N, C-alpha and C. Protein backbone atom coordinates (compact mmCIF):
# COMPACT_ATOMS: atom_id res chain seq x y z
N MET A 1 93.48 -210.57 130.38
CA MET A 1 92.85 -210.67 131.70
C MET A 1 92.19 -212.04 131.85
N GLN A 2 92.47 -212.70 132.95
CA GLN A 2 91.86 -213.99 133.24
C GLN A 2 90.35 -213.87 133.37
N THR A 3 89.63 -214.79 132.80
CA THR A 3 88.17 -214.83 132.94
C THR A 3 87.79 -215.85 134.00
N VAL A 4 87.09 -215.39 135.01
CA VAL A 4 86.57 -216.27 136.07
C VAL A 4 85.05 -216.21 135.98
N LEU A 5 84.43 -217.35 135.76
CA LEU A 5 82.98 -217.41 135.60
C LEU A 5 82.33 -217.99 136.85
N ILE A 6 81.43 -217.21 137.44
CA ILE A 6 80.61 -217.68 138.56
C ILE A 6 79.23 -217.98 138.00
N VAL A 7 78.83 -219.23 138.06
CA VAL A 7 77.52 -219.64 137.53
C VAL A 7 76.57 -219.73 138.72
N ASN A 8 75.65 -218.78 138.80
CA ASN A 8 74.83 -218.56 139.99
C ASN A 8 73.37 -218.93 139.70
N ALA A 9 72.86 -219.95 140.41
CA ALA A 9 71.49 -220.43 140.22
C ALA A 9 70.56 -219.75 141.21
N ASP A 10 69.54 -219.09 140.70
CA ASP A 10 68.55 -218.44 141.56
C ASP A 10 67.52 -219.45 142.07
N ASP A 11 66.87 -219.07 143.18
CA ASP A 11 65.63 -219.71 143.65
C ASP A 11 65.80 -220.98 144.46
N LEU A 12 66.95 -221.21 145.08
CA LEU A 12 67.05 -222.34 146.00
C LEU A 12 66.06 -222.13 147.15
N GLY A 13 65.37 -223.20 147.53
CA GLY A 13 64.36 -223.11 148.58
C GLY A 13 62.96 -222.83 148.08
N TYR A 14 62.80 -222.59 146.81
CA TYR A 14 61.49 -222.25 146.23
C TYR A 14 60.58 -223.47 146.16
N ASP A 15 61.14 -224.60 145.75
CA ASP A 15 60.37 -225.82 145.56
C ASP A 15 61.35 -227.00 145.64
N PRO A 16 60.97 -228.12 146.23
CA PRO A 16 61.91 -229.24 146.37
C PRO A 16 62.46 -229.74 145.03
N ALA A 17 61.65 -229.72 143.98
CA ALA A 17 62.13 -230.20 142.68
C ALA A 17 63.13 -229.22 142.08
N ILE A 18 62.89 -227.95 142.28
CA ILE A 18 63.86 -226.95 141.83
C ILE A 18 65.16 -227.10 142.61
N ASP A 19 65.05 -227.28 143.92
CA ASP A 19 66.24 -227.46 144.75
C ASP A 19 67.07 -228.65 144.28
N ARG A 20 66.40 -229.75 144.00
CA ARG A 20 67.10 -230.96 143.55
C ARG A 20 67.84 -230.68 142.25
N GLY A 21 67.22 -229.94 141.34
CA GLY A 21 67.88 -229.61 140.09
C GLY A 21 69.09 -228.71 140.27
N ILE A 22 68.98 -227.74 141.17
CA ILE A 22 70.12 -226.85 141.43
C ILE A 22 71.30 -227.65 141.96
N LEU A 23 71.04 -228.55 142.89
CA LEU A 23 72.13 -229.35 143.45
C LEU A 23 72.72 -230.28 142.40
N GLU A 24 71.91 -230.79 141.48
CA GLU A 24 72.43 -231.59 140.38
C GLU A 24 73.32 -230.75 139.47
N ALA A 25 72.88 -229.51 139.20
CA ALA A 25 73.65 -228.63 138.33
C ALA A 25 74.98 -228.26 138.95
N HIS A 26 75.06 -228.31 140.27
CA HIS A 26 76.33 -228.10 140.95
C HIS A 26 77.17 -229.38 140.96
N GLY A 27 76.55 -230.49 141.27
CA GLY A 27 77.29 -231.75 141.38
C GLY A 27 77.75 -232.31 140.04
N ARG A 28 76.93 -232.13 138.99
CA ARG A 28 77.24 -232.73 137.69
C ARG A 28 77.55 -231.70 136.62
N GLY A 29 77.31 -230.42 136.93
CA GLY A 29 77.46 -229.40 135.91
C GLY A 29 78.37 -228.27 136.33
N ILE A 30 78.08 -227.07 135.82
CA ILE A 30 79.00 -225.94 136.01
C ILE A 30 78.51 -224.91 137.02
N VAL A 31 77.40 -225.17 137.70
CA VAL A 31 76.92 -224.22 138.70
C VAL A 31 77.86 -224.20 139.91
N THR A 32 78.29 -223.00 140.29
CA THR A 32 79.22 -222.86 141.42
C THR A 32 78.61 -222.11 142.60
N ALA A 33 77.43 -221.50 142.38
CA ALA A 33 76.81 -220.69 143.43
C ALA A 33 75.29 -220.76 143.27
N ALA A 34 74.59 -220.43 144.34
CA ALA A 34 73.13 -220.34 144.30
C ALA A 34 72.70 -219.26 145.28
N THR A 35 71.51 -218.73 145.06
CA THR A 35 70.94 -217.80 146.03
C THR A 35 69.62 -218.35 146.52
N ALA A 36 69.41 -218.25 147.83
CA ALA A 36 68.31 -218.94 148.49
C ALA A 36 67.25 -217.99 149.03
N MET A 37 66.00 -218.39 148.84
CA MET A 37 64.89 -217.77 149.54
C MET A 37 64.84 -218.36 150.96
N VAL A 38 64.42 -217.56 151.92
CA VAL A 38 64.46 -218.06 153.31
C VAL A 38 63.11 -218.16 153.97
N ASP A 39 62.04 -217.75 153.31
CA ASP A 39 60.72 -217.72 153.95
C ASP A 39 59.76 -218.77 153.40
N THR A 40 60.22 -219.70 152.61
CA THR A 40 59.36 -220.74 152.06
C THR A 40 59.32 -221.94 153.01
N PRO A 41 58.35 -222.84 152.84
CA PRO A 41 58.31 -224.05 153.67
C PRO A 41 59.49 -224.98 153.44
N PHE A 42 60.22 -224.76 152.34
CA PHE A 42 61.29 -225.67 151.95
C PHE A 42 62.69 -225.09 152.21
N ALA A 43 62.73 -223.88 152.72
CA ALA A 43 64.00 -223.18 152.88
C ALA A 43 64.93 -223.88 153.86
N GLY A 44 64.40 -224.33 154.99
CA GLY A 44 65.24 -224.93 156.01
C GLY A 44 66.01 -226.12 155.48
N ARG A 45 65.31 -227.02 154.83
CA ARG A 45 65.97 -228.20 154.29
C ARG A 45 66.95 -227.83 153.19
N ALA A 46 66.56 -226.91 152.32
CA ALA A 46 67.41 -226.53 151.20
C ALA A 46 68.73 -225.93 151.67
N LEU A 47 68.67 -225.02 152.64
CA LEU A 47 69.89 -224.39 153.12
C LEU A 47 70.75 -225.36 153.91
N ALA A 48 70.11 -226.28 154.61
CA ALA A 48 70.87 -227.25 155.40
C ALA A 48 71.56 -228.28 154.51
N GLU A 49 70.93 -228.64 153.40
CA GLU A 49 71.47 -229.71 152.56
C GLU A 49 72.43 -229.22 151.49
N ALA A 50 72.46 -227.93 151.21
CA ALA A 50 73.38 -227.42 150.19
C ALA A 50 74.82 -227.66 150.65
N PRO A 51 75.66 -228.26 149.81
CA PRO A 51 77.04 -228.57 150.23
C PRO A 51 77.88 -227.31 150.39
N VAL A 52 78.93 -227.41 151.18
CA VAL A 52 79.80 -226.26 151.42
C VAL A 52 80.58 -225.88 150.16
N THR A 53 80.64 -226.76 149.18
CA THR A 53 81.31 -226.44 147.92
C THR A 53 80.51 -225.49 147.05
N LEU A 54 79.25 -225.30 147.41
CA LEU A 54 78.37 -224.38 146.68
C LEU A 54 78.27 -223.06 147.43
N ASP A 55 78.75 -221.98 146.81
CA ASP A 55 78.53 -220.66 147.41
C ASP A 55 77.03 -220.44 147.57
N LEU A 56 76.62 -219.97 148.73
CA LEU A 56 75.19 -219.80 148.97
C LEU A 56 74.91 -218.37 149.41
N GLY A 57 74.16 -217.65 148.59
CA GLY A 57 73.81 -216.28 148.88
C GLY A 57 72.35 -216.14 149.26
N LEU A 58 71.95 -214.92 149.59
CA LEU A 58 70.58 -214.61 149.95
C LEU A 58 69.85 -214.01 148.76
N HIS A 59 68.71 -214.61 148.43
CA HIS A 59 67.83 -214.15 147.35
C HIS A 59 66.67 -213.42 148.03
N VAL A 60 66.83 -212.13 148.25
CA VAL A 60 65.86 -211.36 149.02
C VAL A 60 64.54 -211.27 148.27
N VAL A 61 63.45 -211.58 148.96
CA VAL A 61 62.11 -211.46 148.38
C VAL A 61 61.38 -210.35 149.14
N VAL A 62 60.99 -209.31 148.41
CA VAL A 62 60.31 -208.17 149.03
C VAL A 62 59.10 -207.78 148.19
N PRO A 63 58.08 -207.18 148.81
CA PRO A 63 56.92 -206.72 148.05
C PRO A 63 57.34 -205.65 147.03
N PRO A 64 56.67 -205.61 145.89
CA PRO A 64 57.00 -204.59 144.87
C PRO A 64 56.89 -203.17 145.45
N GLU A 65 57.82 -202.34 145.04
CA GLU A 65 57.82 -200.92 145.38
C GLU A 65 57.80 -200.68 146.89
N SER A 66 58.53 -201.49 147.62
CA SER A 66 58.67 -201.24 149.06
C SER A 66 59.51 -199.98 149.27
N GLY A 67 59.21 -199.22 150.29
CA GLY A 67 60.01 -198.06 150.61
C GLY A 67 61.33 -198.46 151.25
N GLU A 68 62.23 -197.49 151.38
CA GLU A 68 63.56 -197.79 151.90
C GLU A 68 63.51 -198.36 153.31
N ALA A 69 62.66 -197.82 154.15
CA ALA A 69 62.58 -198.31 155.53
C ALA A 69 62.15 -199.78 155.56
N ARG A 70 61.14 -200.10 154.77
CA ARG A 70 60.67 -201.49 154.70
C ARG A 70 61.75 -202.40 154.13
N LEU A 71 62.46 -201.94 153.12
CA LEU A 71 63.52 -202.73 152.53
C LEU A 71 64.61 -203.03 153.55
N ARG A 72 65.03 -202.03 154.31
CA ARG A 72 66.07 -202.25 155.31
C ARG A 72 65.63 -203.28 156.34
N GLU A 73 64.38 -203.18 156.77
CA GLU A 73 63.87 -204.15 157.75
C GLU A 73 63.84 -205.56 157.18
N GLU A 74 63.36 -205.68 155.95
CA GLU A 74 63.24 -207.00 155.34
C GLU A 74 64.60 -207.62 155.04
N ILE A 75 65.51 -206.84 154.54
CA ILE A 75 66.85 -207.36 154.24
C ILE A 75 67.51 -207.84 155.53
N ALA A 76 67.43 -207.04 156.59
CA ALA A 76 68.03 -207.42 157.87
C ALA A 76 67.39 -208.69 158.41
N ARG A 77 66.06 -208.76 158.34
CA ARG A 77 65.36 -209.93 158.86
C ARG A 77 65.74 -211.18 158.08
N GLN A 78 65.78 -211.06 156.75
CA GLN A 78 66.09 -212.23 155.94
C GLN A 78 67.56 -212.64 156.07
N LEU A 79 68.44 -211.70 156.30
CA LEU A 79 69.83 -212.05 156.59
C LEU A 79 69.92 -212.85 157.89
N ASP A 80 69.20 -212.41 158.91
CA ASP A 80 69.21 -213.13 160.18
C ASP A 80 68.65 -214.54 160.01
N ARG A 81 67.57 -214.66 159.25
CA ARG A 81 66.99 -215.98 159.03
C ARG A 81 67.93 -216.88 158.23
N PHE A 82 68.61 -216.30 157.26
CA PHE A 82 69.59 -217.07 156.50
C PHE A 82 70.63 -217.67 157.45
N ARG A 83 71.18 -216.84 158.32
CA ARG A 83 72.19 -217.34 159.26
C ARG A 83 71.64 -218.44 160.15
N ALA A 84 70.40 -218.27 160.59
CA ALA A 84 69.81 -219.27 161.48
C ALA A 84 69.63 -220.60 160.75
N LEU A 85 69.25 -220.55 159.49
CA LEU A 85 69.01 -221.78 158.73
C LEU A 85 70.30 -222.42 158.23
N ARG A 86 71.24 -221.60 157.83
CA ARG A 86 72.48 -222.10 157.22
C ARG A 86 73.58 -222.33 158.24
N GLY A 87 73.51 -221.57 159.34
CA GLY A 87 74.60 -221.65 160.31
C GLY A 87 75.83 -220.89 159.85
N ALA A 88 75.66 -220.02 158.88
CA ALA A 88 76.75 -219.21 158.33
C ALA A 88 76.15 -218.03 157.59
N ALA A 89 76.98 -217.03 157.34
CA ALA A 89 76.53 -215.85 156.59
C ALA A 89 76.47 -216.17 155.10
N PRO A 90 75.66 -215.45 154.33
CA PRO A 90 75.65 -215.65 152.88
C PRO A 90 76.94 -215.18 152.24
N THR A 91 77.27 -215.78 151.12
CA THR A 91 78.49 -215.39 150.40
C THR A 91 78.24 -214.26 149.41
N HIS A 92 76.96 -213.98 149.11
CA HIS A 92 76.63 -212.92 148.16
C HIS A 92 75.15 -212.56 148.32
N LEU A 93 74.73 -211.54 147.58
CA LEU A 93 73.39 -210.99 147.76
C LEU A 93 72.78 -210.64 146.41
N ASP A 94 71.50 -210.99 146.24
CA ASP A 94 70.73 -210.49 145.11
C ASP A 94 69.26 -210.49 145.51
N SER A 95 68.35 -210.40 144.56
CA SER A 95 66.94 -210.28 144.93
C SER A 95 66.04 -210.95 143.91
N HIS A 96 64.90 -211.38 144.36
CA HIS A 96 63.90 -212.02 143.50
C HIS A 96 63.35 -210.99 142.52
N ARG A 97 63.36 -211.37 141.24
CA ARG A 97 62.88 -210.50 140.17
C ARG A 97 63.61 -209.15 140.15
N HIS A 98 64.86 -209.17 140.58
CA HIS A 98 65.72 -207.98 140.55
C HIS A 98 65.08 -206.79 141.28
N ALA A 99 64.50 -207.06 142.43
CA ALA A 99 63.84 -206.00 143.19
C ALA A 99 64.81 -204.89 143.57
N HIS A 100 66.10 -205.22 143.70
CA HIS A 100 67.07 -204.20 144.11
C HIS A 100 67.39 -203.22 142.99
N ALA A 101 66.96 -203.53 141.75
CA ALA A 101 67.21 -202.63 140.62
C ALA A 101 66.09 -201.62 140.42
N VAL A 102 65.02 -201.75 141.18
CA VAL A 102 63.92 -200.79 141.09
C VAL A 102 64.40 -199.43 141.60
N PRO A 103 64.03 -198.31 140.95
CA PRO A 103 64.48 -196.99 141.42
C PRO A 103 64.20 -196.80 142.90
N GLY A 104 65.22 -196.36 143.62
CA GLY A 104 65.08 -196.12 145.04
C GLY A 104 65.38 -197.31 145.93
N ALA A 105 65.57 -198.49 145.32
CA ALA A 105 65.78 -199.70 146.12
C ALA A 105 67.24 -200.07 146.29
N LEU A 106 68.11 -199.57 145.42
CA LEU A 106 69.48 -200.05 145.41
C LEU A 106 70.24 -199.72 146.69
N LEU A 107 70.03 -198.53 147.24
CA LEU A 107 70.82 -198.10 148.39
C LEU A 107 70.67 -199.04 149.59
N PRO A 108 69.46 -199.42 150.01
CA PRO A 108 69.36 -200.34 151.15
C PRO A 108 70.07 -201.67 150.91
N PHE A 109 70.00 -202.17 149.69
CA PHE A 109 70.72 -203.42 149.39
C PHE A 109 72.23 -203.20 149.44
N ALA A 110 72.67 -202.06 148.91
CA ALA A 110 74.10 -201.76 148.91
C ALA A 110 74.62 -201.60 150.34
N GLU A 111 73.84 -200.95 151.18
CA GLU A 111 74.25 -200.79 152.58
C GLU A 111 74.41 -202.14 153.26
N ALA A 112 73.47 -203.04 153.01
CA ALA A 112 73.55 -204.37 153.61
C ALA A 112 74.75 -205.14 153.09
N ALA A 113 74.98 -205.08 151.77
CA ALA A 113 76.11 -205.80 151.19
C ALA A 113 77.43 -205.26 151.72
N ARG A 114 77.54 -203.95 151.84
CA ARG A 114 78.77 -203.35 152.37
C ARG A 114 78.98 -203.73 153.82
N ARG A 115 77.92 -203.70 154.60
CA ARG A 115 78.00 -204.06 156.02
C ARG A 115 78.41 -205.53 156.19
N GLU A 116 77.87 -206.38 155.33
CA GLU A 116 78.18 -207.81 155.41
C GLU A 116 79.51 -208.16 154.76
N GLY A 117 80.02 -207.25 153.94
CA GLY A 117 81.26 -207.53 153.23
C GLY A 117 81.09 -208.57 152.13
N ILE A 118 79.93 -208.54 151.45
CA ILE A 118 79.65 -209.51 150.40
C ILE A 118 79.27 -208.80 149.11
N PRO A 119 79.44 -209.47 147.97
CA PRO A 119 79.08 -208.85 146.68
C PRO A 119 77.57 -208.75 146.50
N LEU A 120 77.16 -207.77 145.68
CA LEU A 120 75.78 -207.57 145.29
C LEU A 120 75.70 -207.61 143.77
N ARG A 121 74.68 -208.25 143.24
CA ARG A 121 74.53 -208.37 141.79
C ARG A 121 74.31 -207.01 141.13
N ALA A 122 75.09 -206.74 140.09
CA ALA A 122 74.90 -205.56 139.25
C ALA A 122 74.45 -206.03 137.88
N LEU A 123 73.38 -205.45 137.37
CA LEU A 123 72.80 -205.91 136.11
C LEU A 123 73.44 -205.27 134.89
N GLU A 124 74.03 -204.08 135.06
CA GLU A 124 74.64 -203.38 133.92
C GLU A 124 75.70 -202.42 134.43
N GLY A 125 76.38 -201.77 133.48
CA GLY A 125 77.56 -200.99 133.82
C GLY A 125 77.30 -199.84 134.76
N GLY A 126 76.22 -199.08 134.56
CA GLY A 126 75.93 -197.97 135.45
C GLY A 126 75.68 -198.41 136.87
N MET A 127 74.95 -199.49 137.03
CA MET A 127 74.70 -200.04 138.36
C MET A 127 76.00 -200.52 139.00
N ARG A 128 76.85 -201.13 138.21
CA ARG A 128 78.14 -201.61 138.70
C ARG A 128 78.99 -200.44 139.19
N ASP A 129 79.06 -199.38 138.41
CA ASP A 129 79.85 -198.22 138.80
C ASP A 129 79.33 -197.60 140.10
N THR A 130 78.02 -197.52 140.22
CA THR A 130 77.42 -196.95 141.44
C THR A 130 77.77 -197.80 142.65
N LEU A 131 77.61 -199.10 142.53
CA LEU A 131 77.90 -199.98 143.67
C LEU A 131 79.37 -199.88 144.08
N ARG A 132 80.24 -199.87 143.11
CA ARG A 132 81.67 -199.80 143.45
C ARG A 132 82.03 -198.45 144.06
N ALA A 133 81.36 -197.39 143.61
CA ALA A 133 81.58 -196.08 144.22
C ALA A 133 81.12 -196.07 145.67
N TRP A 134 80.14 -196.91 146.00
CA TRP A 134 79.65 -197.02 147.37
C TRP A 134 80.43 -198.05 148.19
N GLY A 135 81.46 -198.63 147.59
CA GLY A 135 82.29 -199.57 148.32
C GLY A 135 81.75 -200.99 148.36
N VAL A 136 80.91 -201.33 147.37
CA VAL A 136 80.31 -202.66 147.31
C VAL A 136 80.95 -203.46 146.18
N ALA A 137 81.37 -204.67 146.48
CA ALA A 137 81.96 -205.54 145.47
C ALA A 137 80.88 -206.07 144.54
N THR A 138 81.24 -206.22 143.27
CA THR A 138 80.31 -206.79 142.29
C THR A 138 81.11 -207.31 141.10
N ALA A 139 80.53 -208.23 140.36
CA ALA A 139 81.23 -208.82 139.22
C ALA A 139 81.46 -207.78 138.13
N ASP A 140 82.41 -208.08 137.25
CA ASP A 140 82.73 -207.17 136.15
C ASP A 140 81.69 -207.18 135.05
N ALA A 141 80.93 -208.25 134.95
CA ALA A 141 79.88 -208.34 133.93
C ALA A 141 78.82 -209.32 134.42
N PHE A 142 77.61 -209.15 133.91
CA PHE A 142 76.48 -210.00 134.29
C PHE A 142 75.84 -210.55 133.03
N LEU A 143 75.58 -211.85 133.03
CA LEU A 143 74.97 -212.53 131.89
C LEU A 143 73.72 -213.27 132.36
N GLY A 144 72.65 -213.14 131.60
CA GLY A 144 71.42 -213.84 131.94
C GLY A 144 70.22 -212.94 131.75
N ASP A 145 69.13 -213.53 131.32
CA ASP A 145 67.91 -212.78 131.06
C ASP A 145 66.72 -213.65 131.48
N ALA A 146 66.11 -213.32 132.61
CA ALA A 146 65.00 -214.12 133.12
C ALA A 146 63.75 -213.99 132.25
N ALA A 147 63.71 -212.99 131.37
CA ALA A 147 62.57 -212.85 130.48
C ALA A 147 62.57 -213.90 129.37
N LEU A 148 63.74 -214.48 129.12
CA LEU A 148 63.83 -215.58 128.16
C LEU A 148 63.49 -216.86 128.90
N ARG A 149 62.52 -217.59 128.41
CA ARG A 149 62.04 -218.79 129.11
C ARG A 149 62.17 -220.01 128.19
N PRO A 150 63.31 -220.71 128.23
CA PRO A 150 64.46 -220.51 129.10
C PRO A 150 65.49 -219.57 128.47
N CYS A 151 66.36 -219.05 129.30
CA CYS A 151 67.48 -218.25 128.80
C CYS A 151 68.55 -219.17 128.22
N TRP A 152 68.93 -220.19 129.01
CA TRP A 152 70.09 -221.00 128.64
C TRP A 152 69.68 -222.32 128.00
N THR A 153 69.38 -222.23 126.72
CA THR A 153 69.33 -223.44 125.91
C THR A 153 70.76 -223.93 125.73
N ARG A 154 70.93 -225.14 125.31
CA ARG A 154 72.27 -225.67 125.09
C ARG A 154 73.03 -224.80 124.09
N GLU A 155 72.38 -224.45 123.00
CA GLU A 155 73.05 -223.68 121.95
C GLU A 155 73.46 -222.30 122.44
N ARG A 156 72.55 -221.62 123.15
CA ARG A 156 72.86 -220.28 123.63
C ARG A 156 73.95 -220.30 124.69
N LEU A 157 73.90 -221.30 125.57
CA LEU A 157 74.92 -221.40 126.62
C LEU A 157 76.30 -221.66 126.02
N LEU A 158 76.40 -222.60 125.10
CA LEU A 158 77.70 -222.92 124.51
C LEU A 158 78.27 -221.74 123.76
N ALA A 159 77.43 -221.01 123.04
CA ALA A 159 77.90 -219.84 122.31
C ALA A 159 78.40 -218.76 123.26
N THR A 160 77.70 -218.59 124.38
CA THR A 160 78.10 -217.58 125.36
C THR A 160 79.41 -217.96 126.04
N LEU A 161 79.55 -219.22 126.41
CA LEU A 161 80.76 -219.68 127.09
C LEU A 161 81.98 -219.59 126.19
N ALA A 162 81.77 -219.69 124.90
CA ALA A 162 82.89 -219.63 123.97
C ALA A 162 83.36 -218.20 123.71
N ALA A 163 82.61 -217.20 124.17
CA ALA A 163 82.95 -215.80 123.87
C ALA A 163 82.84 -214.92 125.11
N LEU A 164 83.31 -215.41 126.24
CA LEU A 164 83.23 -214.65 127.48
C LEU A 164 84.21 -213.48 127.49
N PRO A 165 83.83 -212.34 128.06
CA PRO A 165 84.79 -211.25 128.23
C PRO A 165 85.75 -211.57 129.37
N GLY A 166 86.77 -210.74 129.54
CA GLY A 166 87.69 -210.94 130.64
C GLY A 166 87.12 -210.45 131.95
N GLY A 167 87.74 -210.85 133.04
CA GLY A 167 87.30 -210.41 134.36
C GLY A 167 86.46 -211.45 135.06
N VAL A 168 85.81 -211.01 136.14
CA VAL A 168 84.93 -211.89 136.91
C VAL A 168 83.51 -211.72 136.38
N ILE A 169 82.93 -212.79 135.91
CA ILE A 169 81.63 -212.75 135.25
C ILE A 169 80.62 -213.54 136.09
N GLU A 170 79.45 -212.96 136.32
CA GLU A 170 78.35 -213.70 136.93
C GLU A 170 77.37 -214.11 135.85
N LEU A 171 77.09 -215.39 135.76
CA LEU A 171 76.09 -215.91 134.83
C LEU A 171 74.91 -216.39 135.67
N MET A 172 73.79 -215.69 135.58
CA MET A 172 72.58 -216.07 136.30
C MET A 172 71.85 -217.17 135.53
N CYS A 173 71.38 -218.18 136.25
CA CYS A 173 70.64 -219.26 135.61
C CYS A 173 69.52 -219.74 136.52
N HIS A 174 68.62 -220.56 135.97
CA HIS A 174 67.47 -221.05 136.71
C HIS A 174 67.26 -222.54 136.45
N PRO A 175 68.22 -223.38 136.83
CA PRO A 175 68.03 -224.82 136.62
C PRO A 175 67.06 -225.41 137.63
N GLY A 176 66.53 -226.55 137.29
CA GLY A 176 65.64 -227.24 138.22
C GLY A 176 64.82 -228.28 137.49
N HIS A 177 64.15 -229.11 138.27
CA HIS A 177 63.13 -229.97 137.71
C HIS A 177 61.79 -229.23 137.81
N ALA A 178 60.82 -229.67 137.03
CA ALA A 178 59.52 -229.01 137.04
C ALA A 178 58.97 -228.99 138.46
N PRO A 179 58.54 -227.82 138.96
CA PRO A 179 58.09 -227.70 140.35
C PRO A 179 56.95 -228.65 140.69
N THR A 180 56.97 -229.15 141.90
CA THR A 180 55.94 -230.07 142.36
C THR A 180 55.01 -229.44 143.39
N HIS A 181 55.39 -228.31 143.96
CA HIS A 181 54.60 -227.69 145.02
C HIS A 181 54.14 -226.27 144.70
N VAL A 182 54.96 -225.50 144.01
CA VAL A 182 54.59 -224.12 143.71
C VAL A 182 54.05 -224.00 142.30
N ARG A 183 53.19 -223.01 142.10
CA ARG A 183 52.67 -222.73 140.77
C ARG A 183 53.43 -221.53 140.21
N THR A 184 54.10 -221.73 139.10
CA THR A 184 54.90 -220.68 138.51
C THR A 184 54.90 -220.83 137.00
N SER A 185 54.98 -219.70 136.31
CA SER A 185 55.04 -219.73 134.85
C SER A 185 56.41 -220.17 134.35
N PHE A 186 57.39 -220.20 135.24
CA PHE A 186 58.75 -220.61 134.90
C PHE A 186 58.95 -222.01 135.48
N ALA A 187 58.53 -223.02 134.73
CA ALA A 187 58.49 -224.38 135.27
C ALA A 187 59.33 -225.34 134.43
N ALA A 188 58.75 -225.88 133.37
CA ALA A 188 59.46 -226.86 132.55
C ALA A 188 60.73 -226.29 131.93
N GLU A 189 60.76 -224.98 131.72
CA GLU A 189 61.95 -224.35 131.14
C GLU A 189 63.19 -224.57 132.01
N ARG A 190 62.98 -224.74 133.30
CA ARG A 190 64.11 -224.98 134.21
C ARG A 190 64.84 -226.27 133.84
N GLU A 191 64.10 -227.25 133.35
CA GLU A 191 64.73 -228.51 132.98
C GLU A 191 65.62 -228.34 131.75
N THR A 192 65.22 -227.45 130.84
CA THR A 192 66.07 -227.15 129.68
C THR A 192 67.39 -226.56 130.14
N GLU A 193 67.34 -225.63 131.09
CA GLU A 193 68.57 -225.03 131.60
C GLU A 193 69.40 -226.07 132.36
N LEU A 194 68.74 -226.94 133.10
CA LEU A 194 69.46 -227.97 133.84
C LEU A 194 70.25 -228.86 132.89
N VAL A 195 69.62 -229.29 131.81
CA VAL A 195 70.30 -230.14 130.84
C VAL A 195 71.51 -229.41 130.23
N ALA A 196 71.32 -228.14 129.88
CA ALA A 196 72.41 -227.38 129.28
C ALA A 196 73.59 -227.22 130.25
N LEU A 197 73.28 -226.90 131.49
CA LEU A 197 74.34 -226.65 132.48
C LEU A 197 75.10 -227.92 132.86
N CYS A 198 74.47 -229.08 132.68
CA CYS A 198 75.11 -230.36 133.01
C CYS A 198 75.76 -231.02 131.80
N ASP A 199 75.61 -230.42 130.64
CA ASP A 199 76.21 -230.99 129.43
C ASP A 199 77.73 -230.87 129.51
N PRO A 200 78.48 -231.97 129.34
CA PRO A 200 79.95 -231.87 129.37
C PRO A 200 80.52 -230.86 128.39
N ALA A 201 79.79 -230.59 127.33
CA ALA A 201 80.28 -229.62 126.35
C ALA A 201 80.37 -228.22 126.93
N ALA A 202 79.61 -227.93 127.99
CA ALA A 202 79.66 -226.60 128.59
C ALA A 202 81.03 -226.34 129.21
N LEU A 203 81.51 -227.29 129.98
CA LEU A 203 82.83 -227.12 130.59
C LEU A 203 83.92 -227.09 129.53
N THR A 204 83.78 -227.89 128.50
CA THR A 204 84.76 -227.89 127.41
C THR A 204 84.81 -226.52 126.72
N ALA A 205 83.64 -225.94 126.45
CA ALA A 205 83.59 -224.63 125.82
C ALA A 205 84.22 -223.56 126.70
N LEU A 206 83.95 -223.65 127.98
CA LEU A 206 84.51 -222.70 128.94
C LEU A 206 86.03 -222.77 128.95
N GLU A 207 86.55 -223.97 129.09
CA GLU A 207 88.00 -224.15 129.19
C GLU A 207 88.71 -223.86 127.88
N SER A 208 88.03 -224.12 126.75
CA SER A 208 88.64 -223.84 125.45
C SER A 208 88.90 -222.35 125.26
N GLY A 209 88.07 -221.53 125.89
CA GLY A 209 88.26 -220.09 125.81
C GLY A 209 89.21 -219.54 126.86
N GLY A 210 89.80 -220.41 127.67
CA GLY A 210 90.76 -219.99 128.67
C GLY A 210 90.14 -219.51 129.97
N ALA A 211 88.85 -219.73 130.15
CA ALA A 211 88.18 -219.31 131.38
C ALA A 211 88.19 -220.42 132.41
N VAL A 212 87.94 -220.04 133.66
CA VAL A 212 87.86 -221.01 134.75
C VAL A 212 86.59 -220.73 135.55
N LEU A 213 86.06 -221.77 136.18
CA LEU A 213 84.93 -221.59 137.08
C LEU A 213 85.41 -221.01 138.40
N GLY A 214 84.59 -220.17 139.02
CA GLY A 214 84.98 -219.55 140.28
C GLY A 214 83.81 -219.39 141.22
N ARG A 215 84.09 -218.82 142.39
CA ARG A 215 83.10 -218.62 143.44
C ARG A 215 83.20 -217.19 143.95
N PHE A 216 82.07 -216.66 144.41
CA PHE A 216 82.07 -215.32 144.99
C PHE A 216 83.04 -215.24 146.16
N ALA A 217 83.12 -216.31 146.93
CA ALA A 217 83.92 -216.31 148.15
C ALA A 217 85.39 -216.00 147.89
N THR A 218 85.85 -216.26 146.68
CA THR A 218 87.28 -216.04 146.39
C THR A 218 87.53 -215.08 145.22
N ALA A 219 86.66 -215.07 144.22
CA ALA A 219 86.94 -214.33 142.99
C ALA A 219 86.94 -212.83 143.18
N LEU A 220 86.18 -212.31 144.17
CA LEU A 220 86.05 -210.86 144.32
C LEU A 220 86.72 -210.33 145.58
N GLN A 221 87.66 -211.08 146.11
CA GLN A 221 88.33 -210.67 147.34
C GLN A 221 89.05 -209.34 147.20
N SER A 222 89.59 -209.08 146.01
CA SER A 222 90.38 -207.86 145.82
C SER A 222 89.54 -206.60 145.93
N GLN A 223 88.21 -206.71 145.77
CA GLN A 223 87.33 -205.54 145.86
C GLN A 223 86.90 -205.25 147.28
N ARG A 224 87.18 -206.15 148.21
CA ARG A 224 86.65 -205.97 149.57
C ARG A 224 87.63 -205.23 150.46
């Protein structure tokens, strides 16, 4: 089975320095997709400046433990804002701090993804099976752990790229330069991921294993 790797950078629009790093990781590295926040002061510029070669999805930000009604309202509102800022619909959907994986939250996200005809991030096999049973496209496997700060050191990334499973794989990452405007515990670690993702050895490792880089816009068409 052909391996198609979608390298998806979270948090576009969060901070200008993070945005700059994400775009570098796309232009000089292996990042093929990003997901954007739409309610920050920097969202408008970030969504407008992201090139069309970068798949751009919606990174939904919602209060913890929101009820289904609130989730539906917020997802719909943020989808509308994404379109207004980008001038196009998102290519995929996920959420800040995996809010859609909280018990009771998955269905509103799945409904939105199915309605939009776009993939939704699945973190593990049971979630993947549920989404596909609901008619929602999702990758065959998910790689990435936001609890590791950073997750993608050069060594860990190269080892992972050399041993990818078959199918369509989403690799979540958090590249960027150290934030200049927001205060976050996930700061300098973003630069470590940026360096790893832009290292020429990453693409070499990927290709040596017979894998190719891909995009949500094309890799998951057969599921829609």
